[in-house]
């Protein structure tokens, strides 16, 4: 009795291996994107801390030199409005970036898989 597996051509074996690879990638894909998102959040926190420290240092200078830092209500409203627009723009860019990452990864593997002989 022969217990050896039947021989197949190299392309079908290669295609099977790639399919297994793609299946494993699709299983870890959500974890990958969660890690990227977590990294982006950590970067934003670091930026926020840096900006807050910078503002604190800048606040001390006028206090010690007696320079007035008062701004008009219109200027304050313009700053708040700009901040809100920038926040909205950032969220749109972040969402589109996530879509693009997923799309590019999917396209890459689709192209790789379609290049195999049938």
PDB file of N, CA and C in Angstrom:
ATOM      1  N   UNK A   1       0.836  -1.179   0.000  1.00  0.00           N
ATOM      2  CA  UNK A   1       0.000   0.000   0.000  1.00  0.00           C
ATOM      3  C   UNK A   1       0.881   1.242   0.000  1.00  0.00           C
ATOM      4  N   UNK A   2       0.625   2.130  -0.904  1.00  0.00           N
ATOM      5  CA  UNK A   2       1.422   3.338  -1.062  1.00  0.00           C
ATOM      6  C   UNK A   2       0.807   4.450  -0.212  1.00  0.00           C
ATOM      7  N   UNK A   3       1.582   4.998   0.763  1.00  0.00           N
ATOM      8  CA  UNK A   3       1.076   6.048   1.653  1.00  0.00           C
ATOM      9  C   UNK A   3       1.556   7.426   1.246  1.00  0.00           C
ATOM     10  N   UNK A   4       2.281   7.504   0.170  1.00  0.00           N
ATOM     11  CA  UNK A   4       2.762   8.806  -0.289  1.00  0.00           C
ATOM     12  C   UNK A   4       1.613   9.584  -0.921  1.00  0.00           C
ATOM     13  N   UNK A   5       1.686  10.903  -0.760  1.00  0.00           N
ATOM     14  CA  UNK A   5       0.668  11.738  -1.396  1.00  0.00           C
ATOM     15  C   UNK A   5       0.986  11.839  -2.882  1.00  0.00           C
ATOM     16  N   UNK A   6      -0.041  11.946  -3.698  1.00  0.00           N
ATOM     17  CA  UNK A   6       0.221  12.031  -5.134  1.00  0.00           C
ATOM     18  C   UNK A   6       0.970  13.326  -5.469  1.00  0.00           C
ATOM     19  N   UNK A   7       1.816  13.255  -6.464  1.00  0.00           N
ATOM     20  CA  UNK A   7       2.575  14.423  -6.893  1.00  0.00           C
ATOM     21  C   UNK A   7       1.670  15.370  -7.664  1.00  0.00           C
ATOM     22  N   UNK A   8       1.877  16.654  -7.430  1.00  0.00           N
ATOM     23  CA  UNK A   8       1.138  17.667  -8.185  1.00  0.00           C
ATOM     24  C   UNK A   8       2.162  18.591  -8.808  1.00  0.00           C
ATOM     25  N   UNK A   9       1.698  19.391  -9.729  1.00  0.00           N
ATOM     26  CA  UNK A   9       2.653  20.304 -10.349  1.00  0.00           C
ATOM     27  C   UNK A   9       3.005  21.428  -9.377  1.00  0.00           C
ATOM     28  N   UNK A  10       4.094  22.062  -9.653  1.00  0.00           N
ATOM     29  CA  UNK A  10       4.631  23.084  -8.766  1.00  0.00           C
ATOM     30  C   UNK A  10       3.697  24.287  -8.652  1.00  0.00           C
ATOM     31  N   UNK A  11       2.966  24.599  -9.712  1.00  0.00           N
ATOM     32  CA  UNK A  11       2.083  25.762  -9.687  1.00  0.00           C
ATOM     33  C   UNK A  11       0.896  25.563  -8.760  1.00  0.00           C
ATOM     34  N   UNK A  12       0.311  24.378  -8.776  1.00  0.00           N
ATOM     35  CA  UNK A  12      -0.831  24.151  -7.885  1.00  0.00           C
ATOM     36  C   UNK A  12      -0.386  24.145  -6.425  1.00  0.00           C
ATOM     37  N   UNK A  13       0.795  23.594  -6.160  1.00  0.00           N
ATOM     38  CA  UNK A  13       1.335  23.624  -4.797  1.00  0.00           C
ATOM     39  C   UNK A  13       1.614  25.068  -4.372  1.00  0.00           C
ATOM     40  N   UNK A  14       2.195  25.831  -5.274  1.00  0.00           N
ATOM     41  CA  UNK A  14       2.491  27.239  -4.985  1.00  0.00           C
ATOM     42  C   UNK A  14       1.196  28.013  -4.752  1.00  0.00           C
ATOM     43  N   UNK A  15       0.200  27.748  -5.589  1.00  0.00           N
ATOM     44  CA  UNK A  15      -1.084  28.440  -5.454  1.00  0.00           C
ATOM     45  C   UNK A  15      -1.751  28.091  -4.125  1.00  0.00           C
ATOM     46  N   UNK A  16      -1.671  26.829  -3.722  1.00  0.00           N
ATOM     47  CA  UNK A  16      -2.225  26.418  -2.431  1.00  0.00           C
ATOM     48  C   UNK A  16      -1.537  27.163  -1.284  1.00  0.00           C
ATOM     49  N   UNK A  17      -0.224  27.256  -1.361  1.00  0.00           N
ATOM     50  CA  UNK A  17       0.524  27.950  -0.314  1.00  0.00           C
ATOM     51  C   UNK A  17       0.156  29.429  -0.251  1.00  0.00           C
ATOM     52  N   UNK A  18      -0.005  30.046  -1.391  1.00  0.00           N
ATOM     53  CA  UNK A  18      -0.383  31.459  -1.420  1.00  0.00           C
ATOM     54  C   UNK A  18      -1.791  31.628  -0.867  1.00  0.00           C
ATOM     55  N   UNK A  19      -2.688  30.736  -1.215  1.00  0.00           N
ATOM     56  CA  UNK A  19      -4.053  30.820  -0.694  1.00  0.00           C
ATOM     57  C   UNK A  19      -4.062  30.681   0.835  1.00  0.00           C
ATOM     58  N   UNK A  20      -3.259  29.772   1.358  1.00  0.00           N
ATOM     59  CA  UNK A  20      -3.151  29.634   2.810  1.00  0.00           C
ATOM     60  C   UNK A  20      -2.584  30.913   3.422  1.00  0.00           C
ATOM     61  N   UNK A  21      -1.598  31.464   2.749  1.00  0.00           N
ATOM     62  CA  UNK A  21      -0.991  32.712   3.224  1.00  0.00           C
ATOM     63  C   UNK A  21      -2.034  33.831   3.265  1.00  0.00           C
ATOM     64  N   UNK A  22      -2.814  33.949   2.185  1.00  0.00           N
ATOM     65  CA  UNK A  22      -3.849  34.987   2.121  1.00  0.00           C
ATOM     66  C   UNK A  22      -4.928  34.767   3.176  1.00  0.00           C
ATOM     67  N   UNK A  23      -5.280  33.523   3.429  1.00  0.00           N
ATOM     68  CA  UNK A  23      -6.267  33.231   4.475  1.00  0.00           C
ATOM     69  C   UNK A  23      -5.747  33.682   5.835  1.00  0.00           C
ATOM     70  N   UNK A  24      -4.477  33.407   6.100  1.00  0.00           N
ATOM     71  CA  UNK A  24      -3.890  33.824   7.375  1.00  0.00           C
ATOM     72  C   UNK A  24      -3.805  35.343   7.468  1.00  0.00           C
ATOM     73  N   UNK A  25      -3.464  35.996   6.366  1.00  0.00           N
ATOM     74  CA  UNK A  25      -3.418  37.461   6.351  1.00  0.00           C
ATOM     75  C   UNK A  25      -4.801  38.022   6.655  1.00  0.00           C
ATOM     76  N   UNK A  26      -5.832  37.451   6.049  1.00  0.00           N
ATOM     77  CA  UNK A  26      -7.183  37.965   6.287  1.00  0.00           C
ATOM     78  C   UNK A  26      -7.613  37.760   7.735  1.00  0.00           C
ATOM     79  N   UNK A  27      -7.054  36.752   8.406  1.00  0.00           N
ATOM     80  CA  UNK A  27      -7.379  36.536   9.819  1.00  0.00           C
ATOM     81  C   UNK A  27      -6.719  37.584  10.717  1.00  0.00           C
ATOM     82  N   UNK A  28      -5.488  37.979  10.366  1.00  0.00           N
ATOM     83  CA  UNK A  28      -4.783  38.937  11.224  1.00  0.00           C
ATOM     84  C   UNK A  28      -4.988  40.377  10.786  1.00  0.00           C
ATOM     85  N   UNK A  29      -5.632  40.589   9.647  1.00  0.00           N
ATOM     86  CA  UNK A  29      -5.849  41.940   9.125  1.00  0.00           C
ATOM     87  C   UNK A  29      -6.513  42.875  10.138  1.00  0.00           C
ATOM     88  N   UNK A  30      -7.597  42.464  10.810  1.00  0.00           N
ATOM     89  CA  UNK A  30      -8.208  43.372  11.791  1.00  0.00           C
ATOM     90  C   UNK A  30      -7.242  43.760  12.912  1.00  0.00           C
ATOM     91  N   UNK A  31      -6.419  42.820  13.350  1.00  0.00           N
ATOM     92  CA  UNK A  31      -5.433  43.119  14.400  1.00  0.00           C
ATOM     93  C   UNK A  31      -4.399  44.112  13.885  1.00  0.00           C
ATOM     94  N   UNK A  32      -3.997  43.941  12.643  1.00  0.00           N
ATOM     95  CA  UNK A  32      -3.012  44.847  12.047  1.00  0.00           C
ATOM     96  C   UNK A  32      -3.552  46.272  12.011  1.00  0.00           C
ATOM     97  N   UNK A  33      -4.780  46.421  11.507  1.00  0.00           N
ATOM     98  CA  UNK A  33      -5.355  47.761  11.402  1.00  0.00           C
ATOM     99  C   UNK A  33      -5.629  48.361  12.781  1.00  0.00           C
ATOM    100  N   UNK A  34      -5.972  47.514  13.754  1.00  0.00           N
ATOM    101  CA  UNK A  34      -6.157  48.011  15.114  1.00  0.00           C
ATOM    102  C   UNK A  34      -4.829  48.510  15.671  1.00  0.00           C
ATOM    103  N   UNK A  35      -3.753  47.792  15.378  1.00  0.00           N
ATOM    104  CA  UNK A  35      -2.427  48.221  15.832  1.00  0.00           C
ATOM    105  C   UNK A  35      -2.029  49.549  15.200  1.00  0.00           C
ATOM    106  N   UNK A  36      -2.303  49.697  13.916  1.00  0.00           N
ATOM    107  CA  UNK A  36      -1.991  50.952  13.225  1.00  0.00           C
ATOM    108  C   UNK A  36      -2.796  52.095  13.833  1.00  0.00           C
ATOM    109  N   UNK A  37      -4.078  51.842  14.080  1.00  0.00           N
ATOM    110  CA  UNK A  37      -4.933  52.867  14.678  1.00  0.00           C
ATOM    111  C   UNK A  37      -4.431  53.237  16.066  1.00  0.00           C
ATOM    112  N   UNK A  38      -4.050  52.233  16.853  1.00  0.00           N
ATOM    113  CA  UNK A  38      -3.520  52.491  18.198  1.00  0.00           C
ATOM    114  C   UNK A  38      -2.240  53.332  18.107  1.00  0.00           C
ATOM    115  N   UNK A  39      -1.389  53.011  17.150  1.00  0.00           N
ATOM    116  CA  UNK A  39      -0.152  53.777  16.954  1.00  0.00           C
ATOM    117  C   UNK A  39      -0.475  55.235  16.611  1.00  0.00           C
ATOM    118  N   UNK A  40      -1.451  55.443  15.732  1.00  0.00           N
ATOM    119  CA  UNK A  40      -1.847  56.806  15.362  1.00  0.00           C
ATOM    120  C   UNK A  40      -2.366  57.571  16.580  1.00  0.00           C
ATOM    121  N   UNK A  41      -3.132  56.894  17.432  1.00  0.00           N
ATOM    122  CA  UNK A  41      -3.656  57.531  18.646  1.00  0.00           C
ATOM    123  C   UNK A  41      -2.501  57.907  19.575  1.00  0.00           C
ATOM    124  N   UNK A  42      -1.540  57.014  19.720  1.00  0.00           N
ATOM    125  CA  UNK A  42      -0.384  57.304  20.575  1.00  0.00           C
ATOM    126  C   UNK A  42       0.422  58.487  20.029  1.00  0.00           C
ATOM    127  N   UNK A  43       0.547  58.569  18.725  1.00  0.00           N
ATOM    128  CA  UNK A  43       1.252  59.706  18.111  1.00  0.00           C
ATOM    129  C   UNK A  43       0.506  61.001  18.389  1.00  0.00           C
ATOM    130  N   UNK A  44      -0.807  60.953  18.289  1.00  0.00           N
ATOM    131  CA  UNK A  44      -1.604  62.151  18.562  1.00  0.00           C
ATOM    132  C   UNK A  44      -1.452  62.578  20.018  1.00  0.00           C
ATOM    133  N   UNK A  45      -1.419  61.617  20.936  1.00  0.00           N
ATOM    134  CA  UNK A  45      -1.234  61.948  22.356  1.00  0.00           C
ATOM    135  C   UNK A  45       0.129  62.601  22.575  1.00  0.00           C
ATOM    136  N   UNK A  46       1.149  62.067  21.912  1.00  0.00           N
ATOM    137  CA  UNK A  46       2.492  62.647  22.048  1.00  0.00           C
ATOM    138  C   UNK A  46       2.524  64.070  21.489  1.00  0.00           C
ATOM    139  N   UNK A  47       1.861  64.285  20.360  1.00  0.00           N
ATOM    140  CA  UNK A  47       1.781  65.636  19.782  1.00  0.00           C
ATOM    141  C   UNK A  47       1.061  66.577  20.729  1.00  0.00           C
ATOM    142  N   UNK A  48      -0.024  66.100  21.305  1.00  0.00           N
ATOM    143  CA  UNK A  48      -0.795  66.936  22.230  1.00  0.00           C
ATOM    144  C   UNK A  48       0.061  67.346  23.433  1.00  0.00           C
ATOM    145  N   UNK A  49       0.804  66.396  23.993  1.00  0.00           N
ATOM    146  CA  UNK A  49       1.667  66.708  25.133  1.00  0.00           C
ATOM    147  C   UNK A  49       2.738  67.725  24.744  1.00  0.00           C
ATOM    148  N   UNK A  50       3.307  67.562  23.559  1.00  0.00           N
ATOM    149  CA  UNK A  50       4.333  68.486  23.088  1.00  0.00           C
ATOM    150  C   UNK A  50       3.767  69.887  22.904  1.00  0.00           C
ATOM    151  N   UNK A  51       2.588  69.958  22.292  1.00  0.00           N
ATOM    152  CA  UNK A  51       1.959  71.265  22.059  1.00  0.00           C
ATOM    153  C   UNK A  51       1.604  71.926  23.385  1.00  0.00           C
ATOM    154  N   UNK A  52       1.046  71.154  24.311  1.00  0.00           N
ATOM    155  CA  UNK A  52       0.688  71.717  25.617  1.00  0.00           C
ATOM    156  C   UNK A  52       1.918  72.245  26.353  1.00  0.00           C
ATOM    157  N   UNK A  53       3.018  71.520  26.288  1.00  0.00           N
ATOM    158  CA  UNK A  53       4.253  71.979  26.932  1.00  0.00           C
ATOM    159  C   UNK A  53       4.756  73.258  26.271  1.00  0.00           C
ATOM    160  N   UNK A  54       4.663  73.317  24.947  1.00  0.00           N
ATOM    161  CA  UNK A  54       5.096  74.504  24.214  1.00  0.00           C
ATOM    162  C   UNK A  54       4.250  75.721  24.580  1.00  0.00           C
ATOM    163  N   UNK A  55       2.940  75.528  24.677  1.00  0.00           N
ATOM    164  CA  UNK A  55       2.049  76.626  25.040  1.00  0.00           C
ATOM    165  C   UNK A  55       2.353  77.105  26.462  1.00  0.00           C
ATOM    166  N   UNK A  56       2.602  76.174  27.352  1.00  0.00           N
ATOM    167  CA  UNK A  56       2.928  76.549  28.735  1.00  0.00           C
ATOM    168  C   UNK A  56       4.172  77.421  28.794  1.00  0.00           C
ATOM    169  N   UNK A  57       5.185  77.047  28.034  1.00  0.00           N
ATOM    170  CA  UNK A  57       6.412  77.838  28.002  1.00  0.00           C
ATOM    171  C   UNK A  57       6.136  79.213  27.412  1.00  0.00           C
ATOM    172  N   UNK A  58       5.335  79.255  26.339  1.00  0.00           N
ATOM    173  CA  UNK A  58       5.005  80.529  25.702  1.00  0.00           C
ATOM    174  C   UNK A  58       4.155  81.421  26.617  1.00  0.00           C
ATOM    175  N   UNK A  59       3.317  80.826  27.455  1.00  0.00           N
ATOM    176  CA  UNK A  59       2.498  81.610  28.381  1.00  0.00           C
ATOM    177  C   UNK A  59       3.358  82.273  29.455  1.00  0.00           C
ATOM    178  N   UNK A  60       4.379  81.601  29.860  1.00  0.00           N
ATOM    179  CA  UNK A  60       5.238  82.139  30.918  1.00  0.00           C
ATOM    180  C   UNK A  60       5.990  83.392  30.465  1.00  0.00           C
ATOM    181  N   UNK A  61       6.404  83.419  29.215  1.00  0.00           N
ATOM    182  CA  UNK A  61       7.195  84.554  28.723  1.00  0.00           C
ATOM    183  C   UNK A  61       6.446  85.886  28.848  1.00  0.00           C
ATOM    184  N   UNK A  62       5.204  86.009  28.321  1.00  0.00           N
ATOM    185  CA  UNK A  62       4.509  87.297  28.452  1.00  0.00           C
ATOM    186  C   UNK A  62       4.212  87.674  29.910  1.00  0.00           C
ATOM    187  N   UNK A  63       3.913  86.666  30.727  1.00  0.00           N
ATOM    188  CA  UNK A  63       3.646  86.945  32.134  1.00  0.00           C
ATOM    189  C   UNK A  63       4.859  87.600  32.793  1.00  0.00           C
ATOM    190  N   UNK A  64       6.033  87.061  32.512  1.00  0.00           N
ATOM    191  CA  UNK A  64       7.249  87.569  33.143  1.00  0.00           C
ATOM    192  C   UNK A  64       7.708  88.897  32.546  1.00  0.00           C
ATOM    193  N   UNK A  65       7.324  89.158  31.289  1.00  0.00           N
ATOM    194  CA  UNK A  65       7.755  90.410  30.652  1.00  0.00           C
ATOM    195  C   UNK A  65       6.664  91.469  30.674  1.00  0.00           C
ATOM    196  N   UNK A  66       5.449  91.107  31.085  1.00  0.00           N
ATOM    197  CA  UNK A  66       4.364  92.075  31.176  1.00  0.00           C
ATOM    198  C   UNK A  66       3.681  92.376  29.855  1.00  0.00           C
ATOM    199  N   UNK A  67       3.810  91.527  28.864  1.00  0.00           N
ATOM    200  CA  UNK A  67       3.171  91.716  27.557  1.00  0.00           C
ATOM    201  C   UNK A  67       1.712  91.249  27.635  1.00  0.00           C
ATOM    202  N   UNK A  68       0.793  92.028  27.069  1.00  0.00           N
ATOM    203  CA  UNK A  68      -0.624  91.675  27.065  1.00  0.00           C
ATOM    204  C   UNK A  68      -0.890  90.580  26.021  1.00  0.00           C
ATOM    205  N   UNK A  69      -1.692  89.613  26.407  1.00  0.00           N
ATOM    206  CA  UNK A  69      -2.029  88.514  25.485  1.00  0.00           C
ATOM    207  C   UNK A  69      -3.522  88.459  25.187  1.00  0.00           C
ATOM    208  N   UNK A  70      -4.239  89.539  25.451  1.00  0.00           N
ATOM    209  CA  UNK A  70      -5.680  89.586  25.203  1.00  0.00           C
ATOM    210  C   UNK A  70      -5.960  89.574  23.697  1.00  0.00           C
ATOM    211  N   UNK A  71      -7.010  88.831  23.289  1.00  0.00           N
ATOM    212  CA  UNK A  71      -7.438  88.814  21.889  1.00  0.00           C
ATOM    213  C   UNK A  71      -8.915  89.183  21.832  1.00  0.00           C
ATOM    214  N   UNK A  72      -9.348  89.645  20.673  1.00  0.00           N
ATOM    215  CA  UNK A  72     -10.755  90.038  20.523  1.00  0.00           C
ATOM    216  C   UNK A  72     -11.634  88.796  20.406  1.00  0.00           C
ATOM    217  N   UNK A  73     -12.917  88.995  20.630  1.00  0.00           N
ATOM    218  CA  UNK A  73     -13.883  87.896  20.533  1.00  0.00           C
ATOM    219  C   UNK A  73     -13.924  87.340  19.108  1.00  0.00           C
ATOM    220  N   UNK A  74     -13.839  88.210  18.104  1.00  0.00           N
ATOM    221  CA  UNK A  74     -13.856  87.772  16.696  1.00  0.00           C
ATOM    222  C   UNK A  74     -12.659  86.882  16.395  1.00  0.00           C
ATOM    223  N   UNK A  75     -11.496  87.260  16.928  1.00  0.00           N
ATOM    224  CA  UNK A  75     -10.295  86.454  16.710  1.00  0.00           C
ATOM    225  C   UNK A  75     -10.461  85.098  17.375  1.00  0.00           C
ATOM    226  N   UNK A  76     -10.989  85.103  18.594  1.00  0.00           N
ATOM    227  CA  UNK A  76     -11.207  83.837  19.308  1.00  0.00           C
ATOM    228  C   UNK A  76     -12.177  82.944  18.536  1.00  0.00           C
ATOM    229  N   UNK A  77     -13.257  83.517  18.015  1.00  0.00           N
ATOM    230  CA  UNK A  77     -14.226  82.742  17.227  1.00  0.00           C
ATOM    231  C   UNK A  77     -13.581  82.161  15.962  1.00  0.00           C
ATOM    232  N   UNK A  78     -12.744  82.950  15.309  1.00  0.00           N
ATOM    233  CA  UNK A  78     -12.056  82.478  14.095  1.00  0.00           C
ATOM    234  C   UNK A  78     -11.134  81.308  14.429  1.00  0.00           C
ATOM    235  N   UNK A  79     -10.445  81.390  15.543  1.00  0.00           N
ATOM    236  CA  UNK A  79      -9.543  80.304  15.957  1.00  0.00           C
ATOM    237  C   UNK A  79     -10.341  79.039  16.247  1.00  0.00           C
ATOM    238  N   UNK A  80     -11.453  79.181  16.969  1.00  0.00           N
ATOM    239  CA  UNK A  80     -12.285  78.018  17.296  1.00  0.00           C
ATOM    240  C   UNK A  80     -12.869  77.394  16.034  1.00  0.00           C
ATOM    241  N   UNK A  81     -13.342  78.234  15.114  1.00  0.00           N
ATOM    242  CA  UNK A  81     -13.910  77.727  13.863  1.00  0.00           C
ATOM    243  C   UNK A  81     -12.853  76.992  13.029  1.00  0.00           C
ATOM    244  N   UNK A  82     -11.667  77.555  12.962  1.00  0.00           N
ATOM    245  CA  UNK A  82     -10.572  76.916  12.228  1.00  0.00           C
ATOM    246  C   UNK A  82     -10.227  75.571  12.851  1.00  0.00           C
ATOM    247  N   UNK A  83     -10.168  75.537  14.170  1.00  0.00           N
ATOM    248  CA  UNK A  83      -9.874  74.282  14.872  1.00  0.00           C
ATOM    249  C   UNK A  83     -10.917  73.225  14.552  1.00  0.00           C
ATOM    250  N   UNK A  84     -12.187  73.620  14.553  1.00  0.00           N
ATOM    251  CA  UNK A  84     -13.256  72.664  14.251  1.00  0.00           C
ATOM    252  C   UNK A  84     -13.163  72.142  12.821  1.00  0.00           C
ATOM    253  N   UNK A  85     -12.838  73.030  11.882  1.00  0.00           N
ATOM    254  CA  UNK A  85     -12.676  72.598  10.488  1.00  0.00           C
ATOM    255  C   UNK A  85     -11.483  71.653  10.348  1.00  0.00           C
ATOM    256  N   UNK A  86     -10.402  71.954  11.018  1.00  0.00           N
ATOM    257  CA  UNK A  86      -9.216  71.097  10.952  1.00  0.00           C
ATOM    258  C   UNK A  86      -9.492  69.727  11.557  1.00  0.00           C
ATOM    259  N   UNK A  87     -10.251  69.710  12.636  1.00  0.00           N
ATOM    260  CA  UNK A  87     -10.598  68.428  13.266  1.00  0.00           C
ATOM    261  C   UNK A  87     -11.441  67.588  12.310  1.00  0.00           C
ATOM    262  N   UNK A  88     -12.422  68.204  11.683  1.00  0.00           N
ATOM    263  CA  UNK A  88     -13.265  67.499  10.719  1.00  0.00           C
ATOM    264  C   UNK A  88     -12.427  66.981   9.549  1.00  0.00           C
ATOM    265  N   UNK A  89     -11.538  67.820   9.057  1.00  0.00           N
ATOM    266  CA  UNK A  89     -10.660  67.417   7.958  1.00  0.00           C
ATOM    267  C   UNK A  89      -9.773  66.251   8.366  1.00  0.00           C
ATOM    268  N   UNK A  90      -9.219  66.291   9.576  1.00  0.00           N
ATOM    269  CA  UNK A  90      -8.377  65.196  10.071  1.00  0.00           C
ATOM    270  C   UNK A  90      -9.168  63.898  10.108  1.00  0.00           C
ATOM    271  N   UNK A  91     -10.397  63.932  10.606  1.00  0.00           N
ATOM    272  CA  UNK A  91     -11.204  62.715  10.686  1.00  0.00           C
ATOM    273  C   UNK A  91     -11.520  62.162   9.297  1.00  0.00           C
ATOM    274  N   UNK A  92     -11.771  63.034   8.342  1.00  0.00           N
ATOM    275  CA  UNK A  92     -12.024  62.588   6.965  1.00  0.00           C
ATOM    276  C   UNK A  92     -10.775  61.941   6.381  1.00  0.00           C
ATOM    277  N   UNK A  93      -9.629  62.577   6.588  1.00  0.00           N
ATOM    278  CA  UNK A  93      -8.367  62.028   6.073  1.00  0.00           C
ATOM    279  C   UNK A  93      -8.068  60.684   6.719  1.00  0.00           C
ATOM    280  N   UNK A  94      -8.297  60.568   8.017  1.00  0.00           N
ATOM    281  CA  UNK A  94      -8.049  59.314   8.727  1.00  0.00           C
ATOM    282  C   UNK A  94      -8.933  58.203   8.172  1.00  0.00           C
ATOM    283  N   UNK A  95     -10.204  58.498   7.955  1.00  0.00           N
ATOM    284  CA  UNK A  95     -11.133  57.507   7.413  1.00  0.00           C
ATOM    285  C   UNK A  95     -10.724  57.076   6.006  1.00  0.00           C
ATOM    286  N   UNK A  96     -10.383  58.030   5.161  1.00  0.00           N
ATOM    287  CA  UNK A  96      -9.963  57.716   3.794  1.00  0.00           C
ATOM    288  C   UNK A  96      -8.652  56.937   3.785  1.00  0.00           C
ATOM    289  N   UNK A  97      -7.762  57.261   4.710  1.00  0.00           N
ATOM    290  CA  UNK A  97      -6.491  56.557   4.822  1.00  0.00           C
ATOM    291  C   UNK A  97      -6.722  55.088   5.157  1.00  0.00           C
ATOM    292  N   UNK A  98      -7.639  54.821   6.077  1.00  0.00           N
ATOM    293  CA  UNK A  98      -7.959  53.439   6.445  1.00  0.00           C
ATOM    294  C   UNK A  98      -8.527  52.683   5.242  1.00  0.00           C
ATOM    295  N   UNK A  99      -9.433  53.331   4.512  1.00  0.00           N
ATOM    296  CA  UNK A  99     -10.016  52.700   3.322  1.00  0.00           C
ATOM    297  C   UNK A  99      -8.935  52.388   2.293  1.00  0.00           C
ATOM    298  N   UNK A 100      -8.021  53.329   2.096  1.00  0.00           N
ATOM    299  CA  UNK A 100      -6.964  53.158   1.106  1.00  0.00           C
ATOM    300  C   UNK A 100      -6.023  52.023   1.501  1.00  0.00           C
ATOM    301  N   UNK A 101      -5.676  51.934   2.771  1.00  0.00           N
ATOM    302  CA  UNK A 101      -4.806  50.852   3.240  1.00  0.00           C
ATOM    303  C   UNK A 101      -5.439  49.506   2.956  1.00  0.00           C
ATOM    304  N   UNK A 102      -6.727  49.363   3.309  1.00  0.00           N
ATOM    305  CA  UNK A 102      -7.424  48.102   3.084  1.00  0.00           C
ATOM    306  C   UNK A 102      -7.518  47.792   1.597  1.00  0.00           C
ATOM    307  N   UNK A 103      -7.844  48.807   0.804  1.00  0.00           N
ATOM    308  CA  UNK A 103      -7.996  48.615  -0.634  1.00  0.00           C
ATOM    309  C   UNK A 103      -6.667  48.197  -1.273  1.00  0.00           C
ATOM    310  N   UNK A 104      -5.588  48.873  -0.918  1.00  0.00           N
ATOM    311  CA  UNK A 104      -4.281  48.550  -1.507  1.00  0.00           C
ATOM    312  C   UNK A 104      -3.838  47.144  -1.134  1.00  0.00           C
ATOM    313  N   UNK A 105      -4.031  46.746   0.115  1.00  0.00           N
ATOM    314  CA  UNK A 105      -3.647  45.415   0.550  1.00  0.00           C
ATOM    315  C   UNK A 105      -4.462  44.368  -0.195  1.00  0.00           C
ATOM    316  N   UNK A 106      -5.768  44.601  -0.311  1.00  0.00           N
ATOM    317  CA  UNK A 106      -6.638  43.677  -1.023  1.00  0.00           C
ATOM    318  C   UNK A 106      -6.226  43.575  -2.486  1.00  0.00           C
ATOM    319  N   UNK A 107      -5.989  44.727  -3.137  1.00  0.00           N
ATOM    320  CA  UNK A 107      -5.591  44.740  -4.543  1.00  0.00           C
ATOM    321  C   UNK A 107      -4.265  44.015  -4.752  1.00  0.00           C
ATOM    322  N   UNK A 108      -3.324  44.236  -3.863  1.00  0.00           N
ATOM    323  CA  UNK A 108      -2.015  43.595  -3.997  1.00  0.00           C
ATOM    324  C   UNK A 108      -2.162  42.080  -4.001  1.00  0.00           C
ATOM    325  N   UNK A 109      -2.910  41.559  -3.040  1.00  0.00           N
ATOM    326  CA  UNK A 109      -3.039  40.106  -2.952  1.00  0.00           C
ATOM    327  C   UNK A 109      -3.901  39.550  -4.078  1.00  0.00           C
ATOM    328  N   UNK A 110      -4.882  40.283  -4.509  1.00  0.00           N
ATOM    329  CA  UNK A 110      -5.674  39.862  -5.660  1.00  0.00           C
ATOM    330  C   UNK A 110      -4.795  39.769  -6.901  1.00  0.00           C
ATOM    331  N   UNK A 111      -3.933  40.757  -7.088  1.00  0.00           N
ATOM    332  CA  UNK A 111      -3.020  40.746  -8.253  1.00  0.00           C
ATOM    333  C   UNK A 111      -2.053  39.571  -8.163  1.00  0.00           C
ATOM    334  N   UNK A 112      -1.560  39.314  -6.962  1.00  0.00           N
ATOM    335  CA  UNK A 112      -0.631  38.195  -6.801  1.00  0.00           C
ATOM    336  C   UNK A 112      -1.326  36.865  -7.118  1.00  0.00           C
ATOM    337  N   UNK A 113      -2.529  36.715  -6.630  1.00  0.00           N
ATOM    338  CA  UNK A 113      -3.255  35.477  -6.829  1.00  0.00           C
ATOM    339  C   UNK A 113      -3.659  35.307  -8.288  1.00  0.00           C
ATOM    340  N   UNK A 114      -4.039  36.383  -8.944  1.00  0.00           N
ATOM    341  CA  UNK A 114      -4.472  36.268 -10.332  1.00  0.00           C
ATOM    342  C   UNK A 114      -3.326  36.015 -11.300  1.00  0.00           C
ATOM    343  N   UNK A 115      -2.101  36.227 -10.839  1.00  0.00           N
ATOM    344  CA  UNK A 115      -0.952  36.002 -11.722  1.00  0.00           C
ATOM    345  C   UNK A 115      -0.584  34.523 -11.841  1.00  0.00           C
ATOM    346  N   UNK A 116      -1.190  33.688 -11.030  1.00  0.00           N
ATOM    347  CA  UNK A 116      -0.892  32.258 -11.101  1.00  0.00           C
ATOM    348  C   UNK A 116      -1.598  31.619 -12.283  1.00  0.00           C
ATOM    349  N   UNK A 117      -0.942  30.636 -12.911  1.00  0.00           N
ATOM    350  CA  UNK A 117      -1.597  29.926 -14.005  1.00  0.00           C
ATOM    351  C   UNK A 117      -2.803  29.134 -13.460  1.00  0.00           C
ATOM    352  N   UNK A 118      -3.826  29.035 -14.268  1.00  0.00           N
ATOM    353  CA  UNK A 118      -5.026  28.321 -13.834  1.00  0.00           C
ATOM    354  C   UNK A 118      -5.050  26.915 -14.336  1.00  0.00           C
TER     355      UNK A 118
END
